[in-house]
Amino acid sequence: MAEQAIMAEEMKPEKKIAFANRKYTNEEKRKMEEEELEQLLKEQKGEVEEQPEEQEAEPANAEEKTFKKRYSDLRRHQQQQAEEFKKEIEALKSQLSQAAQKEMKA
């Protein structure tokens, strides 16, 4: 019986420890979040220094040029439609509130 006990102890697997390099540790993540929070608080207070936006490089070939033009045209059109829809919604809201006021008076 003593022999079996020794064999059972010898059969125990050794613990293997693997060290994985995580992308961010808790401490690094906390520092990043604190920096982001400070930046957001500054933006809220209006203390933000405008960072110059990076200028896009001019497109190299004709396909990129036409894509850029089409994209800017579509974006401009979408912005115009959004403004028109906002105006239409405001007009409908005012019309609805006027109709509701007339009904209350009657």
PDB file of N, CA and C in Angstrom:
ATOM      1  N   MET A   1       0.821  -1.169   0.000  1.00  0.00           N
ATOM      2  CA  MET A   1       0.000   0.000   0.000  1.00  0.00           C
ATOM      3  C   MET A   1       0.882   1.255   0.000  1.00  0.00           C
ATOM      4  N   ALA A   2       1.973   1.228   0.694  1.00  0.00           N
ATOM      5  CA  ALA A   2       2.885   2.356   0.735  1.00  0.00           C
ATOM      6  C   ALA A   2       3.467   2.617  -0.641  1.00  0.00           C
ATOM      7  N   GLU A   3       3.684   1.537  -1.404  1.00  0.00           N
ATOM      8  CA  GLU A   3       4.197   1.676  -2.761  1.00  0.00           C
ATOM      9  C   GLU A   3       3.220   2.427  -3.645  1.00  0.00           C
ATOM     10  N   GLN A   4       1.962   2.112  -3.515  1.00  0.00           N
ATOM     11  CA  GLN A   4       0.937   2.768  -4.324  1.00  0.00           C
ATOM     12  C   GLN A   4       0.854   4.253  -3.980  1.00  0.00           C
ATOM     13  N   ALA A   5       0.991   4.608  -2.743  1.00  0.00           N
ATOM     14  CA  ALA A   5       0.935   6.005  -2.332  1.00  0.00           C
ATOM     15  C   ALA A   5       2.082   6.790  -2.949  1.00  0.00           C
ATOM     16  N   ILE A   6       3.242   6.206  -2.984  1.00  0.00           N
ATOM     17  CA  ILE A   6       4.401   6.883  -3.575  1.00  0.00           C
ATOM     18  C   ILE A   6       4.185   7.063  -5.062  1.00  0.00           C
ATOM     19  N   MET A   7       3.651   6.064  -5.729  1.00  0.00           N
ATOM     20  CA  MET A   7       3.418   6.164  -7.164  1.00  0.00           C
ATOM     21  C   MET A   7       2.372   7.232  -7.470  1.00  0.00           C
ATOM     22  N   ALA A   8       1.358   7.346  -6.636  1.00  0.00           N
ATOM     23  CA  ALA A   8       0.325   8.346  -6.863  1.00  0.00           C
ATOM     24  C   ALA A   8       0.901   9.747  -6.726  1.00  0.00           C
ATOM     25  N   GLU A   9       1.804   9.935  -5.780  1.00  0.00           N
ATOM     26  CA  GLU A   9       2.422  11.239  -5.606  1.00  0.00           C
ATOM     27  C   GLU A   9       3.324  11.578  -6.787  1.00  0.00           C
ATOM     28  N   GLU A  10       3.997  10.579  -7.315  1.00  0.00           N
ATOM     29  CA  GLU A  10       4.881  10.811  -8.450  1.00  0.00           C
ATOM     30  C   GLU A  10       4.095  11.149  -9.711  1.00  0.00           C
ATOM     31  N   MET A  11       2.859  10.725  -9.810  1.00  0.00           N
ATOM     32  CA  MET A  11       2.042  10.929 -11.004  1.00  0.00           C
ATOM     33  C   MET A  11       1.394  12.315 -11.049  1.00  0.00           C
ATOM     34  N   LYS A  12       1.493  13.097  -9.980  1.00  0.00           N
ATOM     35  CA  LYS A  12       0.871  14.424  -9.977  1.00  0.00           C
ATOM     36  C   LYS A  12       1.532  15.286 -11.050  1.00  0.00           C
ATOM     37  N   PRO A  13       0.722  15.932 -11.886  1.00  0.00           N
ATOM     38  CA  PRO A  13       1.309  16.787 -12.926  1.00  0.00           C
ATOM     39  C   PRO A  13       1.884  18.052 -12.308  1.00  0.00           C
ATOM     40  N   GLU A  14       2.963  18.517 -12.897  1.00  0.00           N
ATOM     41  CA  GLU A  14       3.577  19.752 -12.428  1.00  0.00           C
ATOM     42  C   GLU A  14       2.740  20.929 -12.902  1.00  0.00           C
ATOM     43  N   LYS A  15       2.653  21.931 -12.056  1.00  0.00           N
ATOM     44  CA  LYS A  15       1.904  23.129 -12.453  1.00  0.00           C
ATOM     45  C   LYS A  15       2.731  23.912 -13.455  1.00  0.00           C
ATOM     46  N   LYS A  16       2.077  24.305 -14.522  1.00  0.00           N
ATOM     47  CA  LYS A  16       2.755  25.090 -15.548  1.00  0.00           C
ATOM     48  C   LYS A  16       2.197  26.503 -15.492  1.00  0.00           C
ATOM     49  N   ILE A  17       3.070  27.442 -15.499  1.00  0.00           N
ATOM     50  CA  ILE A  17       2.656  28.833 -15.438  1.00  0.00           C
ATOM     51  C   ILE A  17       3.090  29.504 -16.735  1.00  0.00           C
ATOM     52  N   ALA A  18       2.146  30.107 -17.403  1.00  0.00           N
ATOM     53  CA  ALA A  18       2.450  30.805 -18.649  1.00  0.00           C
ATOM     54  C   ALA A  18       2.235  32.297 -18.421  1.00  0.00           C
ATOM     55  N   PHE A  19       3.179  33.077 -18.849  1.00  0.00           N
ATOM     56  CA  PHE A  19       3.059  34.516 -18.733  1.00  0.00           C
ATOM     57  C   PHE A  19       2.650  35.071 -20.093  1.00  0.00           C
ATOM     58  N   ALA A  20       1.490  35.673 -20.105  1.00  0.00           N
ATOM     59  CA  ALA A  20       1.015  36.267 -21.346  1.00  0.00           C
ATOM     60  C   ALA A  20       1.175  37.773 -21.250  1.00  0.00           C
ATOM     61  N   ASN A  21       1.688  38.355 -22.260  1.00  0.00           N
ATOM     62  CA  ASN A  21       1.853  39.796 -22.285  1.00  0.00           C
ATOM     63  C   ASN A  21       0.528  40.401 -22.724  1.00  0.00           C
ATOM     64  N   ARG A  22      -0.215  40.908 -21.757  1.00  0.00           N
ATOM     65  CA  ARG A  22      -1.500  41.517 -22.082  1.00  0.00           C
ATOM     66  C   ARG A  22      -1.268  42.848 -22.766  1.00  0.00           C
ATOM     67  N   LYS A  23      -2.261  43.224 -23.558  1.00  0.00           N
ATOM     68  CA  LYS A  23      -2.133  44.491 -24.268  1.00  0.00           C
ATOM     69  C   LYS A  23      -2.072  45.645 -23.276  1.00  0.00           C
ATOM     70  N   TYR A  24      -2.969  45.640 -22.294  1.00  0.00           N
ATOM     71  CA  TYR A  24      -2.990  46.686 -21.283  1.00  0.00           C
ATOM     72  C   TYR A  24      -3.177  46.039 -19.915  1.00  0.00           C
ATOM     73  N   THR A  25      -2.412  46.483 -18.960  1.00  0.00           N
ATOM     74  CA  THR A  25      -2.625  46.014 -17.599  1.00  0.00           C
ATOM     75  C   THR A  25      -3.664  46.934 -16.970  1.00  0.00           C
ATOM     76  N   ASN A  26      -4.155  46.548 -15.820  1.00  0.00           N
ATOM     77  CA  ASN A  26      -5.162  47.376 -15.153  1.00  0.00           C
ATOM     78  C   ASN A  26      -4.630  48.774 -14.878  1.00  0.00           C
ATOM     79  N   GLU A  27      -3.376  48.848 -14.468  1.00  0.00           N
ATOM     80  CA  GLU A  27      -2.786  50.147 -14.150  1.00  0.00           C
ATOM     81  C   GLU A  27      -2.690  51.024 -15.400  1.00  0.00           C
ATOM     82  N   GLU A  28      -2.243  50.446 -16.505  1.00  0.00           N
ATOM     83  CA  GLU A  28      -2.141  51.210 -17.753  1.00  0.00           C
ATOM     84  C   GLU A  28      -3.515  51.637 -18.235  1.00  0.00           C
ATOM     85  N   LYS A  29      -4.482  50.739 -18.118  1.00  0.00           N
ATOM     86  CA  LYS A  29      -5.842  51.050 -18.539  1.00  0.00           C
ATOM     87  C   LYS A  29      -6.407  52.195 -17.701  1.00  0.00           C
ATOM     88  N   ARG A  30      -6.136  52.164 -16.401  1.00  0.00           N
ATOM     89  CA  ARG A  30      -6.615  53.211 -15.503  1.00  0.00           C
ATOM     90  C   ARG A  30      -5.987  54.551 -15.872  1.00  0.00           C
ATOM     91  N   LYS A  31      -4.679  54.554 -16.181  1.00  0.00           N
ATOM     92  CA  LYS A  31      -4.010  55.794 -16.571  1.00  0.00           C
ATOM     93  C   LYS A  31      -4.611  56.355 -17.855  1.00  0.00           C
ATOM     94  N   MET A  32      -4.854  55.483 -18.831  1.00  0.00           N
ATOM     95  CA  MET A  32      -5.434  55.924 -20.101  1.00  0.00           C
ATOM     96  C   MET A  32      -6.819  56.523 -19.880  1.00  0.00           C
ATOM     97  N   GLU A  33      -7.625  55.867 -19.031  1.00  0.00           N
ATOM     98  CA  GLU A  33      -8.975  56.361 -18.770  1.00  0.00           C
ATOM     99  C   GLU A  33      -8.938  57.689 -18.027  1.00  0.00           C
ATOM    100  N   GLU A  34      -7.997  57.851 -17.095  1.00  0.00           N
ATOM    101  CA  GLU A  34      -7.872  59.118 -16.380  1.00  0.00           C
ATOM    102  C   GLU A  34      -7.479  60.239 -17.335  1.00  0.00           C
ATOM    103  N   GLU A  35      -6.558  59.966 -18.252  1.00  0.00           N
ATOM    104  CA  GLU A  35      -6.161  60.971 -19.232  1.00  0.00           C
ATOM    105  C   GLU A  35      -7.329  61.352 -20.127  1.00  0.00           C
ATOM    106  N   GLU A  36      -8.091  60.351 -20.544  1.00  0.00           N
ATOM    107  CA  GLU A  36      -9.253  60.623 -21.392  1.00  0.00           C
ATOM    108  C   GLU A  36     -10.281  61.445 -20.627  1.00  0.00           C
ATOM    109  N   LEU A  37     -10.484  61.131 -19.347  1.00  0.00           N
ATOM    110  CA  LEU A  37     -11.429  61.874 -18.524  1.00  0.00           C
ATOM    111  C   LEU A  37     -10.993  63.321 -18.373  1.00  0.00           C
ATOM    112  N   GLU A  38      -9.700  63.542 -18.124  1.00  0.00           N
ATOM    113  CA  GLU A  38      -9.188  64.903 -18.018  1.00  0.00           C
ATOM    114  C   GLU A  38      -9.413  65.672 -19.312  1.00  0.00           C
ATOM    115  N   GLN A  39      -9.169  65.022 -20.446  1.00  0.00           N
ATOM    116  CA  GLN A  39      -9.365  65.659 -21.749  1.00  0.00           C
ATOM    117  C   GLN A  39     -10.826  66.034 -21.950  1.00  0.00           C
ATOM    118  N   LEU A  40     -11.738  65.127 -21.589  1.00  0.00           N
ATOM    119  CA  LEU A  40     -13.162  65.404 -21.748  1.00  0.00           C
ATOM    120  C   LEU A  40     -13.615  66.537 -20.834  1.00  0.00           C
ATOM    121  N   LEU A  41     -13.091  66.583 -19.617  1.00  0.00           N
ATOM    122  CA  LEU A  41     -13.440  67.670 -18.707  1.00  0.00           C
ATOM    123  C   LEU A  41     -12.943  69.002 -19.239  1.00  0.00           C
ATOM    124  N   LYS A  42     -11.743  69.018 -19.812  1.00  0.00           N
ATOM    125  CA  LYS A  42     -11.219  70.255 -20.397  1.00  0.00           C
ATOM    126  C   LYS A  42     -12.089  70.698 -21.562  1.00  0.00           C
ATOM    127  N   GLU A  43     -12.506  69.742 -22.405  1.00  0.00           N
ATOM    128  CA  GLU A  43     -13.366  70.069 -23.530  1.00  0.00           C
ATOM    129  C   GLU A  43     -14.681  70.654 -23.040  1.00  0.00           C
ATOM    130  N   GLN A  44     -15.207  70.097 -21.963  1.00  0.00           N
ATOM    131  CA  GLN A  44     -16.485  70.564 -21.422  1.00  0.00           C
ATOM    132  C   GLN A  44     -16.354  71.993 -20.898  1.00  0.00           C
ATOM    133  N   LYS A  45     -15.214  72.306 -20.299  1.00  0.00           N
ATOM    134  CA  LYS A  45     -15.001  73.642 -19.756  1.00  0.00           C
ATOM    135  C   LYS A  45     -14.578  74.631 -20.840  1.00  0.00           C
ATOM    136  N   GLY A  46     -14.226  74.149 -21.995  1.00  0.00           N
ATOM    137  CA  GLY A  46     -13.823  75.024 -23.087  1.00  0.00           C
ATOM    138  C   GLY A  46     -12.350  75.372 -23.047  1.00  0.00           C
ATOM    139  N   GLU A  47     -11.565  74.565 -22.377  1.00  0.00           N
ATOM    140  CA  GLU A  47     -10.136  74.830 -22.265  1.00  0.00           C
ATOM    141  C   GLU A  47      -9.317  74.071 -23.293  1.00  0.00           C
ATOM    142  N   VAL A  48      -9.959  73.545 -24.287  1.00  0.00           N
ATOM    143  CA  VAL A  48      -9.260  72.690 -25.242  1.00  0.00           C
ATOM    144  C   VAL A  48      -8.463  73.539 -26.208  1.00  0.00           C
ATOM    145  N   GLU A  49      -7.253  73.130 -26.415  1.00  0.00           N
ATOM    146  CA  GLU A  49      -6.436  73.764 -27.431  1.00  0.00           C
ATOM    147  C   GLU A  49      -6.697  73.025 -28.722  1.00  0.00           C
ATOM    148  N   GLU A  50      -7.106  73.757 -29.715  1.00  0.00           N
ATOM    149  CA  GLU A  50      -7.421  73.133 -30.994  1.00  0.00           C
ATOM    150  C   GLU A  50      -6.165  72.512 -31.576  1.00  0.00           C
ATOM    151  N   GLN A  51      -6.234  71.238 -31.853  1.00  0.00           N
ATOM    152  CA  GLN A  51      -5.116  70.563 -32.488  1.00  0.00           C
ATOM    153  C   GLN A  51      -5.314  70.653 -33.994  1.00  0.00           C
ATOM    154  N   PRO A  52      -4.291  71.049 -34.698  1.00  0.00           N
ATOM    155  CA  PRO A  52      -4.460  71.165 -36.153  1.00  0.00           C
ATOM    156  C   PRO A  52      -4.759  69.803 -36.768  1.00  0.00           C
ATOM    157  N   GLU A  53      -5.781  69.817 -37.608  1.00  0.00           N
ATOM    158  CA  GLU A  53      -6.152  68.566 -38.270  1.00  0.00           C
ATOM    159  C   GLU A  53      -5.117  68.237 -39.336  1.00  0.00           C
ATOM    160  N   GLU A  54      -4.894  66.977 -39.481  1.00  0.00           N
ATOM    161  CA  GLU A  54      -3.919  66.546 -40.467  1.00  0.00           C
ATOM    162  C   GLU A  54      -4.497  66.759 -41.867  1.00  0.00           C
ATOM    163  N   GLN A  55      -3.685  67.332 -42.716  1.00  0.00           N
ATOM    164  CA  GLN A  55      -4.115  67.544 -44.091  1.00  0.00           C
ATOM    165  C   GLN A  55      -3.981  66.235 -44.848  1.00  0.00           C
ATOM    166  N   GLU A  56      -5.027  65.902 -45.579  1.00  0.00           N
ATOM    167  CA  GLU A  56      -4.973  64.673 -46.366  1.00  0.00           C
ATOM    168  C   GLU A  56      -4.066  64.892 -47.569  1.00  0.00           C
ATOM    169  N   ALA A  57      -3.316  63.897 -47.874  1.00  0.00           N
ATOM    170  CA  ALA A  57      -2.432  63.980 -49.034  1.00  0.00           C
ATOM    171  C   ALA A  57      -3.286  63.970 -50.300  1.00  0.00           C
ATOM    172  N   GLU A  58      -2.807  64.652 -51.297  1.00  0.00           N
ATOM    173  CA  GLU A  58      -3.526  64.681 -52.560  1.00  0.00           C
ATOM    174  C   GLU A  58      -3.532  63.285 -53.168  1.00  0.00           C
ATOM    175  N   PRO A  59      -4.665  62.882 -53.730  1.00  0.00           N
ATOM    176  CA  PRO A  59      -4.741  61.553 -54.334  1.00  0.00           C
ATOM    177  C   PRO A  59      -3.746  61.405 -55.477  1.00  0.00           C
ATOM    178  N   ALA A  60      -3.220  60.210 -55.581  1.00  0.00           N
ATOM    179  CA  ALA A  60      -2.174  59.961 -56.571  1.00  0.00           C
ATOM    180  C   ALA A  60      -2.727  59.721 -57.966  1.00  0.00           C
ATOM    181  N   ASN A  61      -3.811  58.945 -58.076  1.00  0.00           N
ATOM    182  CA  ASN A  61      -4.290  58.619 -59.419  1.00  0.00           C
ATOM    183  C   ASN A  61      -5.698  59.173 -59.651  1.00  0.00           C
ATOM    184  N   ALA A  62      -6.176  59.049 -60.862  1.00  0.00           N
ATOM    185  CA  ALA A  62      -7.465  59.618 -61.260  1.00  0.00           C
ATOM    186  C   ALA A  62      -8.624  58.965 -60.511  1.00  0.00           C
ATOM    187  N   GLU A  63      -8.529  57.670 -60.263  1.00  0.00           N
ATOM    188  CA  GLU A  63      -9.612  56.969 -59.568  1.00  0.00           C
ATOM    189  C   GLU A  63      -9.805  57.524 -58.164  1.00  0.00           C
ATOM    190  N   GLU A  64      -8.710  57.781 -57.470  1.00  0.00           N
ATOM    191  CA  GLU A  64      -8.803  58.333 -56.122  1.00  0.00           C
ATOM    192  C   GLU A  64      -9.367  59.753 -56.156  1.00  0.00           C
ATOM    193  N   LYS A  65      -8.990  60.522 -57.174  1.00  0.00           N
ATOM    194  CA  LYS A  65      -9.499  61.891 -57.292  1.00  0.00           C
ATOM    195  C   LYS A  65     -11.010  61.890 -57.501  1.00  0.00           C
ATOM    196  N   THR A  66     -11.484  61.031 -58.398  1.00  0.00           N
ATOM    197  CA  THR A  66     -12.929  60.999 -58.649  1.00  0.00           C
ATOM    198  C   THR A  66     -13.668  60.466 -57.436  1.00  0.00           C
ATOM    199  N   PHE A  67     -13.100  59.497 -56.727  1.00  0.00           N
ATOM    200  CA  PHE A  67     -13.745  58.982 -55.527  1.00  0.00           C
ATOM    201  C   PHE A  67     -13.866  60.088 -54.481  1.00  0.00           C
ATOM    202  N   LYS A  68     -12.795  60.857 -54.316  1.00  0.00           N
ATOM    203  CA  LYS A  68     -12.809  61.930 -53.324  1.00  0.00           C
ATOM    204  C   LYS A  68     -13.861  62.969 -53.693  1.00  0.00           C
ATOM    205  N   LYS A  69     -13.966  63.302 -54.968  1.00  0.00           N
ATOM    206  CA  LYS A  69     -14.960  64.278 -55.406  1.00  0.00           C
ATOM    207  C   LYS A  69     -16.372  63.745 -55.199  1.00  0.00           C
ATOM    208  N   ARG A  70     -16.607  62.483 -55.583  1.00  0.00           N
ATOM    209  CA  ARG A  70     -17.938  61.894 -55.396  1.00  0.00           C
ATOM    210  C   ARG A  70     -18.308  61.840 -53.924  1.00  0.00           C
ATOM    211  N   TYR A  71     -17.345  61.474 -53.088  1.00  0.00           N
ATOM    212  CA  TYR A  71     -17.597  61.373 -51.657  1.00  0.00           C
ATOM    213  C   TYR A  71     -17.951  62.732 -51.080  1.00  0.00           C
ATOM    214  N   SER A  72     -17.198  63.755 -51.452  1.00  0.00           N
ATOM    215  CA  SER A  72     -17.482  65.095 -50.927  1.00  0.00           C
ATOM    216  C   SER A  72     -18.826  65.608 -51.436  1.00  0.00           C
ATOM    217  N   ASP A  73     -19.163  65.306 -52.704  1.00  0.00           N
ATOM    218  CA  ASP A  73     -20.470  65.704 -53.237  1.00  0.00           C
ATOM    219  C   ASP A  73     -21.600  65.014 -52.482  1.00  0.00           C
ATOM    220  N   LEU A  74     -21.446  63.727 -52.230  1.00  0.00           N
ATOM    221  CA  LEU A  74     -22.484  62.991 -51.499  1.00  0.00           C
ATOM    222  C   LEU A  74     -22.612  63.500 -50.070  1.00  0.00           C
ATOM    223  N   ARG A  75     -21.499  63.782 -49.442  1.00  0.00           N
ATOM    224  CA  ARG A  75     -21.532  64.288 -48.070  1.00  0.00           C
ATOM    225  C   ARG A  75     -22.212  65.645 -48.013  1.00  0.00           C
ATOM    226  N   ARG A  76     -21.903  66.527 -48.972  1.00  0.00           N
ATOM    227  CA  ARG A  76     -22.528  67.842 -49.031  1.00  0.00           C
ATOM    228  C   ARG A  76     -24.038  67.707 -49.251  1.00  0.00           C
ATOM    229  N   HIS A  77     -24.432  66.817 -50.157  1.00  0.00           N
ATOM    230  CA  HIS A  77     -25.853  66.589 -50.427  1.00  0.00           C
ATOM    231  C   HIS A  77     -26.559  66.069 -49.178  1.00  0.00           C
ATOM    232  N   GLN A  78     -25.922  65.150 -48.472  1.00  0.00           N
ATOM    233  CA  GLN A  78     -26.524  64.596 -47.256  1.00  0.00           C
ATOM    234  C   GLN A  78     -26.685  65.683 -46.201  1.00  0.00           C
ATOM    235  N   GLN A  79     -25.712  66.574 -46.071  1.00  0.00           N
ATOM    236  CA  GLN A  79     -25.805  67.655 -45.098  1.00  0.00           C
ATOM    237  C   GLN A  79     -26.924  68.628 -45.460  1.00  0.00           C
ATOM    238  N   GLN A  80     -27.085  68.894 -46.760  1.00  0.00           N
ATOM    239  CA  GLN A  80     -28.174  69.768 -47.200  1.00  0.00           C
ATOM    240  C   GLN A  80     -29.526  69.147 -46.890  1.00  0.00           C
ATOM    241  N   GLN A  81     -29.655  67.846 -47.152  1.00  0.00           N
ATOM    242  CA  GLN A  81     -30.912  67.159 -46.854  1.00  0.00           C
ATOM    243  C   GLN A  81     -31.193  67.183 -45.358  1.00  0.00           C
ATOM    244  N   ALA A  82     -30.169  66.984 -44.546  1.00  0.00           N
ATOM    245  CA  ALA A  82     -30.353  66.993 -43.092  1.00  0.00           C
ATOM    246  C   ALA A  82     -30.853  68.359 -42.638  1.00  0.00           C
ATOM    247  N   GLU A  83     -30.299  69.439 -43.184  1.00  0.00           N
ATOM    248  CA  GLU A  83     -30.750  70.786 -42.833  1.00  0.00           C
ATOM    249  C   GLU A  83     -32.197  71.004 -43.265  1.00  0.00           C
ATOM    250  N   GLU A  84     -32.547  70.546 -44.463  1.00  0.00           N
ATOM    251  CA  GLU A  84     -33.924  70.689 -44.945  1.00  0.00           C
ATOM    252  C   GLU A  84     -34.894  69.931 -44.040  1.00  0.00           C
ATOM    253  N   PHE A  85     -34.519  68.732 -43.646  1.00  0.00           N
ATOM    254  CA  PHE A  85     -35.381  67.931 -42.782  1.00  0.00           C
ATOM    255  C   PHE A  85     -35.539  68.583 -41.415  1.00  0.00           C
ATOM    256  N   LYS A  86     -34.463  69.167 -40.901  1.00  0.00           N
ATOM    257  CA  LYS A  86     -34.555  69.865 -39.611  1.00  0.00           C
ATOM    258  C   LYS A  86     -35.529  71.029 -39.705  1.00  0.00           C
ATOM    259  N   LYS A  87     -35.425  71.803 -40.795  1.00  0.00           N
ATOM    260  CA  LYS A  87     -36.325  72.943 -40.979  1.00  0.00           C
ATOM    261  C   LYS A  87     -37.764  72.470 -41.096  1.00  0.00           C
ATOM    262  N   GLU A  88     -37.985  71.402 -41.854  1.00  0.00           N
ATOM    263  CA  GLU A  88     -39.329  70.864 -42.033  1.00  0.00           C
ATOM    264  C   GLU A  88     -39.895  70.369 -40.703  1.00  0.00           C
ATOM    265  N   ILE A  89     -39.081  69.700 -39.914  1.00  0.00           N
ATOM    266  CA  ILE A  89     -39.534  69.201 -38.614  1.00  0.00           C
ATOM    267  C   ILE A  89     -39.885  70.369 -37.702  1.00  0.00           C
ATOM    268  N   GLU A  90     -39.055  71.410 -37.683  1.00  0.00           N
ATOM    269  CA  GLU A  90     -39.342  72.583 -36.852  1.00  0.00           C
ATOM    270  C   GLU A  90     -40.655  73.239 -37.301  1.00  0.00           C
ATOM    271  N   ALA A  91     -40.864  73.333 -38.614  1.00  0.00           N
ATOM    272  CA  ALA A  91     -42.106  73.928 -39.118  1.00  0.00           C
ATOM    273  C   ALA A  91     -43.310  73.090 -38.695  1.00  0.00           C
ATOM    274  N   LEU A  92     -43.212  71.788 -38.795  1.00  0.00           N
ATOM    275  CA  LEU A  92     -44.313  70.920 -38.388  1.00  0.00           C
ATOM    276  C   LEU A  92     -44.573  71.003 -36.885  1.00  0.00           C
ATOM    277  N   LYS A  93     -43.510  71.103 -36.088  1.00  0.00           N
ATOM    278  CA  LYS A  93     -43.672  71.238 -34.637  1.00  0.00           C
ATOM    279  C   LYS A  93     -44.396  72.530 -34.293  1.00  0.00           C
ATOM    280  N   SER A  94     -43.985  73.619 -34.938  1.00  0.00           N
ATOM    281  CA  SER A  94     -44.646  74.902 -34.661  1.00  0.00           C
ATOM    282  C   SER A  94     -46.099  74.867 -35.116  1.00  0.00           C
ATOM    283  N   GLN A  95     -46.357  74.248 -36.253  1.00  0.00           N
ATOM    284  CA  GLN A  95     -47.727  74.112 -36.746  1.00  0.00           C
ATOM    285  C   GLN A  95     -48.567  73.287 -35.771  1.00  0.00           C
ATOM    286  N   LEU A  96     -48.012  72.216 -35.248  1.00  0.00           N
ATOM    287  CA  LEU A  96     -48.710  71.369 -34.296  1.00  0.00           C
ATOM    288  C   LEU A  96     -48.996  72.119 -33.001  1.00  0.00           C
ATOM    289  N   SER A  97     -48.027  72.869 -32.520  1.00  0.00           N
ATOM    290  CA  SER A  97     -48.241  73.615 -31.274  1.00  0.00           C
ATOM    291  C   SER A  97     -49.291  74.707 -31.476  1.00  0.00           C
ATOM    292  N   GLN A  98     -49.311  75.366 -32.650  1.00  0.00           N
ATOM    293  CA  GLN A  98     -50.333  76.375 -32.935  1.00  0.00           C
ATOM    294  C   GLN A  98     -51.709  75.736 -32.989  1.00  0.00           C
ATOM    295  N   ALA A  99     -51.813  74.567 -33.611  1.00  0.00           N
ATOM    296  CA  ALA A  99     -53.102  73.876 -33.694  1.00  0.00           C
ATOM    297  C   ALA A  99     -53.567  73.449 -32.302  1.00  0.00           C
ATOM    298  N   ALA A 100     -52.658  73.017 -31.472  1.00  0.00           N
ATOM    299  CA  ALA A 100     -53.007  72.602 -30.111  1.00  0.00           C
ATOM    300  C   ALA A 100     -53.471  73.800 -29.297  1.00  0.00           C
ATOM    301  N   GLN A 101     -52.867  74.970 -29.469  1.00  0.00           N
ATOM    302  CA  GLN A 101     -53.268  76.171 -28.757  1.00  0.00           C
ATOM    303  C   GLN A 101     -54.661  76.622 -29.197  1.00  0.00           C
ATOM    304  N   LYS A 102     -54.961  76.518 -30.495  1.00  0.00           N
ATOM    305  CA  LYS A 102     -56.288  76.901 -30.996  1.00  0.00           C
ATOM    306  C   LYS A 102     -57.357  75.971 -30.429  1.00  0.00           C
ATOM    307  N   GLU A 103     -57.067  74.677 -30.317  1.00  0.00           N
ATOM    308  CA  GLU A 103     -58.019  73.735 -29.764  1.00  0.00           C
ATOM    309  C   GLU A 103     -58.273  74.012 -28.294  1.00  0.00           C
ATOM    310  N   MET A 104     -57.247  74.403 -27.566  1.00  0.00           N
ATOM    311  CA  MET A 104     -57.417  74.699 -26.146  1.00  0.00           C
ATOM    312  C   MET A 104     -58.296  75.924 -25.955  1.00  0.00           C
ATOM    313  N   LYS A 105     -58.157  76.917 -26.826  1.00  0.00           N
ATOM    314  CA  LYS A 105     -58.955  78.129 -26.728  1.00  0.00           C
ATOM    315  C   LYS A 105     -60.413  77.844 -27.046  1.00  0.00           C
ATOM    316  N   ALA A 106     -60.650  76.949 -27.983  1.00  0.00           N
ATOM    317  CA  ALA A 106     -62.023  76.651 -28.380  1.00  0.00           C
ATOM    318  C   ALA A 106     -62.639  75.798 -27.330  1.00  0.00           C
TER     319      ALA A 106
END
